[in-house]
């Protein structure tokens, strides 16, 4: 339907929210915003490119919590977690960062019951030094973007580069993938 150019990169990640697509890249383009509202008529338009001057424009992965309207950028260097409000979907605004670790990927969920009922919890895979040192999963309460609280952290034997996590449907278990653990077997 459309080709919209960006910087050269071996890695891109795209998520959608409402009628917009948000591509990011390790090539350093920032967050592009594509309007998909007229896609059925063959029209996709680049309506904005967003980047925060305090952070690198490079991004490895990002996720969007459609329930709360926040975009979470990760990777692209040792820049921590960068959180953007999508209150105005055309113009994402960075509202918070979390820098004790450098998440490479993650998952965010809203709990409806239990000890974290009403809370937005982020499971961040990574560590320091771009995510490869002291690697593991940080569990963060990101409900209040001005006061991100670390609930806990876990690591595992032979950890090399905790890359991504997915939760079981009942959220009792997290399944992680270590990108480099095969090298030490």
C-alpha atoms as a PDB file:
ATOM      1  CA  UNK A   1       0.000   0.000   0.000  1.00  0.00           C
ATOM      2  CA  UNK A   2       2.812   2.415   0.863  1.00  0.00           C
ATOM      3  CA  UNK A   3       6.568   2.617   1.262  1.00  0.00           C
ATOM      4  CA  UNK A   4       7.805   5.231   3.694  1.00  0.00           C
ATOM      5  CA  UNK A   5      11.557   5.426   3.958  1.00  0.00           C
ATOM      6  CA  UNK A   6      13.602   5.434   7.121  1.00  0.00           C
ATOM      7  CA  UNK A   7      17.220   4.945   8.103  1.00  0.00           C
ATOM      8  CA  UNK A   8      19.077   1.784   7.154  1.00  0.00           C
ATOM      9  CA  UNK A   9      18.779  -0.861   9.860  1.00  0.00           C
ATOM     10  CA  UNK A  10      18.804  -4.616  10.308  1.00  0.00           C
ATOM     11  CA  UNK A  11      16.107  -4.330  12.996  1.00  0.00           C
ATOM     12  CA  UNK A  12      12.682  -2.682  13.053  1.00  0.00           C
ATOM     13  CA  UNK A  13       9.704  -3.095  15.344  1.00  0.00           C
ATOM     14  CA  UNK A  14       6.148  -1.871  14.671  1.00  0.00           C
ATOM     15  CA  UNK A  15       3.080  -1.728  16.918  1.00  0.00           C
ATOM     16  CA  UNK A  16      -0.350  -0.215  16.350  1.00  0.00           C
ATOM     17  CA  UNK A  17      -2.645   1.843  18.537  1.00  0.00           C
ATOM     18  CA  UNK A  18      -6.078   2.947  17.366  1.00  0.00           C
ATOM     19  CA  UNK A  19      -5.587   3.997  13.717  1.00  0.00           C
ATOM     20  CA  UNK A  20      -1.842   4.603  13.963  1.00  0.00           C
ATOM     21  CA  UNK A  21       1.288   2.502  13.462  1.00  0.00           C
ATOM     22  CA  UNK A  22       4.491   3.264  15.367  1.00  0.00           C
ATOM     23  CA  UNK A  23       7.669   1.899  13.734  1.00  0.00           C
ATOM     24  CA  UNK A  24      11.009   2.149  15.531  1.00  0.00           C
ATOM     25  CA  UNK A  25      14.485   1.099  14.431  1.00  0.00           C
ATOM     26  CA  UNK A  26      17.967   0.482  15.706  1.00  0.00           C
ATOM     27  CA  UNK A  27      18.987   2.697  12.787  1.00  0.00           C
ATOM     28  CA  UNK A  28      18.017   5.721  14.851  1.00  0.00           C
ATOM     29  CA  UNK A  29      14.924   7.220  13.245  1.00  0.00           C
ATOM     30  CA  UNK A  30      13.065   7.784  16.530  1.00  0.00           C
ATOM     31  CA  UNK A  31       9.366   6.927  16.579  1.00  0.00           C
ATOM     32  CA  UNK A  32       7.631   7.358  13.237  1.00  0.00           C
ATOM     33  CA  UNK A  33       3.851   7.804  13.341  1.00  0.00           C
ATOM     34  CA  UNK A  34       1.845   6.457  10.402  1.00  0.00           C
ATOM     35  CA  UNK A  35      -1.835   7.293   9.954  1.00  0.00           C
ATOM     36  CA  UNK A  36      -3.672   4.110   8.925  1.00  0.00           C
ATOM     37  CA  UNK A  37      -7.201   5.565   9.007  1.00  0.00           C
ATOM     38  CA  UNK A  38      -7.461   5.495   5.208  1.00  0.00           C
ATOM     39  CA  UNK A  39      -5.565   2.245   4.608  1.00  0.00           C
ATOM     40  CA  UNK A  40      -8.622   0.546   3.046  1.00  0.00           C
ATOM     41  CA  UNK A  41      -8.433   3.162   0.287  1.00  0.00           C
ATOM     42  CA  UNK A  42      -4.722   2.517  -0.235  1.00  0.00           C
ATOM     43  CA  UNK A  43      -3.480   5.542   1.708  1.00  0.00           C
ATOM     44  CA  UNK A  44      -0.934   5.432   4.551  1.00  0.00           C
ATOM     45  CA  UNK A  45       0.665   8.698   5.614  1.00  0.00           C
ATOM     46  CA  UNK A  46       3.691   9.550   7.733  1.00  0.00           C
ATOM     47  CA  UNK A  47       2.270  12.228  10.063  1.00  0.00           C
ATOM     48  CA  UNK A  48       5.063  12.675  12.589  1.00  0.00           C
ATOM     49  CA  UNK A  49       8.518  11.581  13.715  1.00  0.00           C
ATOM     50  CA  UNK A  50       9.153  11.855  17.437  1.00  0.00           C
ATOM     51  CA  UNK A  51      12.392  11.707  19.353  1.00  0.00           C
ATOM     52  CA  UNK A  52      13.443  12.954  22.766  1.00  0.00           C
ATOM     53  CA  UNK A  53      16.629  14.993  22.676  1.00  0.00           C
ATOM     54  CA  UNK A  54      17.803  13.412  25.953  1.00  0.00           C
ATOM     55  CA  UNK A  55      17.703   9.883  24.541  1.00  0.00           C
ATOM     56  CA  UNK A  56      19.113   8.120  21.520  1.00  0.00           C
ATOM     57  CA  UNK A  57      16.811   7.931  18.501  1.00  0.00           C
ATOM     58  CA  UNK A  58      17.693   4.219  18.216  1.00  0.00           C
ATOM     59  CA  UNK A  59      15.269   1.618  19.563  1.00  0.00           C
ATOM     60  CA  UNK A  60      15.449  -2.185  19.533  1.00  0.00           C
ATOM     61  CA  UNK A  61      11.909  -3.012  20.645  1.00  0.00           C
ATOM     62  CA  UNK A  62       8.814  -1.306  21.944  1.00  0.00           C
ATOM     63  CA  UNK A  63       5.401  -2.290  23.185  1.00  0.00           C
ATOM     64  CA  UNK A  64       2.128  -0.459  23.599  1.00  0.00           C
ATOM     65  CA  UNK A  65      -0.340  -0.961  26.403  1.00  0.00           C
ATOM     66  CA  UNK A  66      -3.615  -0.248  24.562  1.00  0.00           C
ATOM     67  CA  UNK A  67      -5.507  -0.350  27.855  1.00  0.00           C
ATOM     68  CA  UNK A  68      -3.585   2.587  29.330  1.00  0.00           C
ATOM     69  CA  UNK A  69      -2.372   4.345  26.162  1.00  0.00           C
ATOM     70  CA  UNK A  70       1.369   4.216  26.846  1.00  0.00           C
ATOM     71  CA  UNK A  71       4.230   3.243  24.533  1.00  0.00           C
ATOM     72  CA  UNK A  72       7.372   1.665  26.050  1.00  0.00           C
ATOM     73  CA  UNK A  73      10.682   1.979  24.126  1.00  0.00           C
ATOM     74  CA  UNK A  74      13.605  -0.323  24.903  1.00  0.00           C
ATOM     75  CA  UNK A  75      17.110  -0.949  23.634  1.00  0.00           C
ATOM     76  CA  UNK A  76      19.082   1.071  21.154  1.00  0.00           C
ATOM     77  CA  UNK A  77      21.958   1.468  23.599  1.00  0.00           C
ATOM     78  CA  UNK A  78      22.114   1.790  27.344  1.00  0.00           C
ATOM     79  CA  UNK A  79      19.203   4.210  27.588  1.00  0.00           C
ATOM     80  CA  UNK A  80      16.876   2.367  29.917  1.00  0.00           C
ATOM     81  CA  UNK A  81      13.123   2.250  29.506  1.00  0.00           C
ATOM     82  CA  UNK A  82      11.494   5.282  27.867  1.00  0.00           C
ATOM     83  CA  UNK A  83       7.738   5.757  28.363  1.00  0.00           C
ATOM     84  CA  UNK A  84       5.514   7.853  26.079  1.00  0.00           C
ATOM     85  CA  UNK A  85       1.908   8.943  26.487  1.00  0.00           C
ATOM     86  CA  UNK A  86      -0.338   8.346  23.488  1.00  0.00           C
ATOM     87  CA  UNK A  87      -3.051  10.711  24.782  1.00  0.00           C
ATOM     88  CA  UNK A  88      -2.517  12.464  21.446  1.00  0.00           C
ATOM     89  CA  UNK A  89      -1.700   9.464  19.224  1.00  0.00           C
ATOM     90  CA  UNK A  90      -0.174  11.665  16.509  1.00  0.00           C
ATOM     91  CA  UNK A  91       2.305  13.241  18.925  1.00  0.00           C
ATOM     92  CA  UNK A  92       3.648  10.793  21.557  1.00  0.00           C
ATOM     93  CA  UNK A  93       5.132  12.628  24.537  1.00  0.00           C
ATOM     94  CA  UNK A  94       7.880  11.127  26.677  1.00  0.00           C
ATOM     95  CA  UNK A  95       6.616  11.161  30.256  1.00  0.00           C
ATOM     96  CA  UNK A  96       9.166   9.059  32.106  1.00  0.00           C
ATOM     97  CA  UNK A  97      12.350   7.031  31.982  1.00  0.00           C
ATOM     98  CA  UNK A  98      13.730   4.205  34.081  1.00  0.00           C
ATOM     99  CA  UNK A  99      17.514   3.826  33.869  1.00  0.00           C
ATOM    100  CA  UNK A 100      18.863   1.447  36.560  1.00  0.00           C
ATOM    101  CA  UNK A 101      18.968  -1.269  33.874  1.00  0.00           C
ATOM    102  CA  UNK A 102      18.764  -1.320  30.076  1.00  0.00           C
ATOM    103  CA  UNK A 103      15.736  -3.368  29.053  1.00  0.00           C
ATOM    104  CA  UNK A 104      16.051  -5.157  25.743  1.00  0.00           C
ATOM    105  CA  UNK A 105      12.428  -6.240  25.598  1.00  0.00           C
ATOM    106  CA  UNK A 106       9.502  -6.738  27.950  1.00  0.00           C
ATOM    107  CA  UNK A 107       5.819  -7.199  28.512  1.00  0.00           C
ATOM    108  CA  UNK A 108       3.352  -4.937  30.308  1.00  0.00           C
ATOM    109  CA  UNK A 109       0.061  -6.033  31.872  1.00  0.00           C
ATOM    110  CA  UNK A 110      -2.735  -4.586  33.960  1.00  0.00           C
ATOM    111  CA  UNK A 111      -3.834  -6.701  36.888  1.00  0.00           C
ATOM    112  CA  UNK A 112      -7.578  -6.911  37.579  1.00  0.00           C
ATOM    113  CA  UNK A 113      -7.305  -8.879  40.829  1.00  0.00           C
ATOM    114  CA  UNK A 114      -4.859 -10.062  43.449  1.00  0.00           C
ATOM    115  CA  UNK A 115      -2.109  -8.160  45.202  1.00  0.00           C
ATOM    116  CA  UNK A 116      -1.566  -5.852  42.208  1.00  0.00           C
ATOM    117  CA  UNK A 117      -5.212  -5.208  41.293  1.00  0.00           C
ATOM    118  CA  UNK A 118      -5.500  -1.952  39.373  1.00  0.00           C
ATOM    119  CA  UNK A 119      -1.742  -1.756  38.788  1.00  0.00           C
ATOM    120  CA  UNK A 120       0.186  -1.644  35.504  1.00  0.00           C
ATOM    121  CA  UNK A 121       3.173  -3.994  35.838  1.00  0.00           C
ATOM    122  CA  UNK A 122       6.118  -4.096  33.454  1.00  0.00           C
ATOM    123  CA  UNK A 123       8.442  -7.118  33.142  1.00  0.00           C
ATOM    124  CA  UNK A 124      11.740  -5.816  31.719  1.00  0.00           C
ATOM    125  CA  UNK A 125      14.360  -8.174  30.277  1.00  0.00           C
ATOM    126  CA  UNK A 126      17.904  -6.866  30.291  1.00  0.00           C
ATOM    127  CA  UNK A 127      20.687  -5.643  32.502  1.00  0.00           C
ATOM    128  CA  UNK A 128      23.482  -3.104  32.364  1.00  0.00           C
ATOM    129  CA  UNK A 129      25.942  -2.527  29.500  1.00  0.00           C
ATOM    130  CA  UNK A 130      23.193  -2.572  26.867  1.00  0.00           C
ATOM    131  CA  UNK A 131      21.429  -5.387  28.746  1.00  0.00           C
ATOM    132  CA  UNK A 132      24.171  -8.014  28.679  1.00  0.00           C
ATOM    133  CA  UNK A 133      25.750  -7.527  32.122  1.00  0.00           C
ATOM    134  CA  UNK A 134      23.868  -8.531  35.288  1.00  0.00           C
ATOM    135  CA  UNK A 135      21.122  -9.768  32.979  1.00  0.00           C
ATOM    136  CA  UNK A 136      17.699 -10.851  34.220  1.00  0.00           C
ATOM    137  CA  UNK A 137      14.112  -9.641  34.602  1.00  0.00           C
ATOM    138  CA  UNK A 138      13.110  -6.532  36.552  1.00  0.00           C
ATOM    139  CA  UNK A 139       9.484  -6.374  37.664  1.00  0.00           C
ATOM    140  CA  UNK A 140       8.315  -2.764  37.773  1.00  0.00           C
ATOM    141  CA  UNK A 141       5.140  -1.052  38.910  1.00  0.00           C
ATOM    142  CA  UNK A 142       4.722   1.607  36.208  1.00  0.00           C
ATOM    143  CA  UNK A 143       1.235   2.698  37.264  1.00  0.00           C
ATOM    144  CA  UNK A 144       2.550   6.084  38.401  1.00  0.00           C
ATOM    145  CA  UNK A 145       4.941   7.103  35.623  1.00  0.00           C
ATOM    146  CA  UNK A 146       6.480   9.755  37.922  1.00  0.00           C
ATOM    147  CA  UNK A 147       7.342   7.132  40.534  1.00  0.00           C
ATOM    148  CA  UNK A 148       8.312   3.805  38.951  1.00  0.00           C
ATOM    149  CA  UNK A 149       8.760   1.212  41.701  1.00  0.00           C
ATOM    150  CA  UNK A 150      10.918  -1.891  41.381  1.00  0.00           C
ATOM    151  CA  UNK A 151       8.883  -4.773  42.823  1.00  0.00           C
ATOM    152  CA  UNK A 152      11.564  -7.384  42.287  1.00  0.00           C
ATOM    153  CA  UNK A 153      14.301  -8.805  40.106  1.00  0.00           C
ATOM    154  CA  UNK A 154      15.208 -12.333  39.164  1.00  0.00           C
ATOM    155  CA  UNK A 155      18.154 -13.917  37.434  1.00  0.00           C
ATOM    156  CA  UNK A 156      18.920 -17.495  36.507  1.00  0.00           C
ATOM    157  CA  UNK A 157      21.869 -19.866  36.143  1.00  0.00           C
ATOM    158  CA  UNK A 158      24.100 -19.372  33.087  1.00  0.00           C
ATOM    159  CA  UNK A 159      22.422 -16.080  32.184  1.00  0.00           C
ATOM    160  CA  UNK A 160      24.065 -14.344  29.231  1.00  0.00           C
ATOM    161  CA  UNK A 161      21.516 -11.962  27.699  1.00  0.00           C
ATOM    162  CA  UNK A 162      17.936 -12.117  28.954  1.00  0.00           C
ATOM    163  CA  UNK A 163      16.194 -11.104  25.754  1.00  0.00           C
ATOM    164  CA  UNK A 164      12.414 -11.436  26.102  1.00  0.00           C
ATOM    165  CA  UNK A 165       9.585 -12.685  28.305  1.00  0.00           C
ATOM    166  CA  UNK A 166       6.016 -13.808  27.883  1.00  0.00           C
ATOM    167  CA  UNK A 167       3.558 -14.543  30.681  1.00  0.00           C
ATOM    168  CA  UNK A 168       1.243 -17.518  30.994  1.00  0.00           C
ATOM    169  CA  UNK A 169      -2.449 -16.653  30.686  1.00  0.00           C
ATOM    170  CA  UNK A 170      -2.913 -16.873  34.459  1.00  0.00           C
ATOM    171  CA  UNK A 171       0.237 -14.722  34.899  1.00  0.00           C
ATOM    172  CA  UNK A 172       1.742 -17.238  37.311  1.00  0.00           C
ATOM    173  CA  UNK A 173       4.707 -18.006  35.063  1.00  0.00           C
ATOM    174  CA  UNK A 174       7.056 -16.010  32.903  1.00  0.00           C
ATOM    175  CA  UNK A 175       8.751 -17.720  29.970  1.00  0.00           C
ATOM    176  CA  UNK A 176      12.065 -16.111  29.108  1.00  0.00           C
ATOM    177  CA  UNK A 177      14.445 -16.415  26.202  1.00  0.00           C
ATOM    178  CA  UNK A 178      18.174 -15.852  26.648  1.00  0.00           C
ATOM    179  CA  UNK A 179      19.651 -14.709  23.359  1.00  0.00           C
ATOM    180  CA  UNK A 180      23.187 -15.935  24.067  1.00  0.00           C
ATOM    181  CA  UNK A 181      22.988 -18.799  26.593  1.00  0.00           C
ATOM    182  CA  UNK A 182      23.695 -21.447  23.967  1.00  0.00           C
ATOM    183  CA  UNK A 183      27.245 -20.117  23.631  1.00  0.00           C
ATOM    184  CA  UNK A 184      28.214 -21.376  27.103  1.00  0.00           C
ATOM    185  CA  UNK A 185      26.914 -24.938  26.837  1.00  0.00           C
END
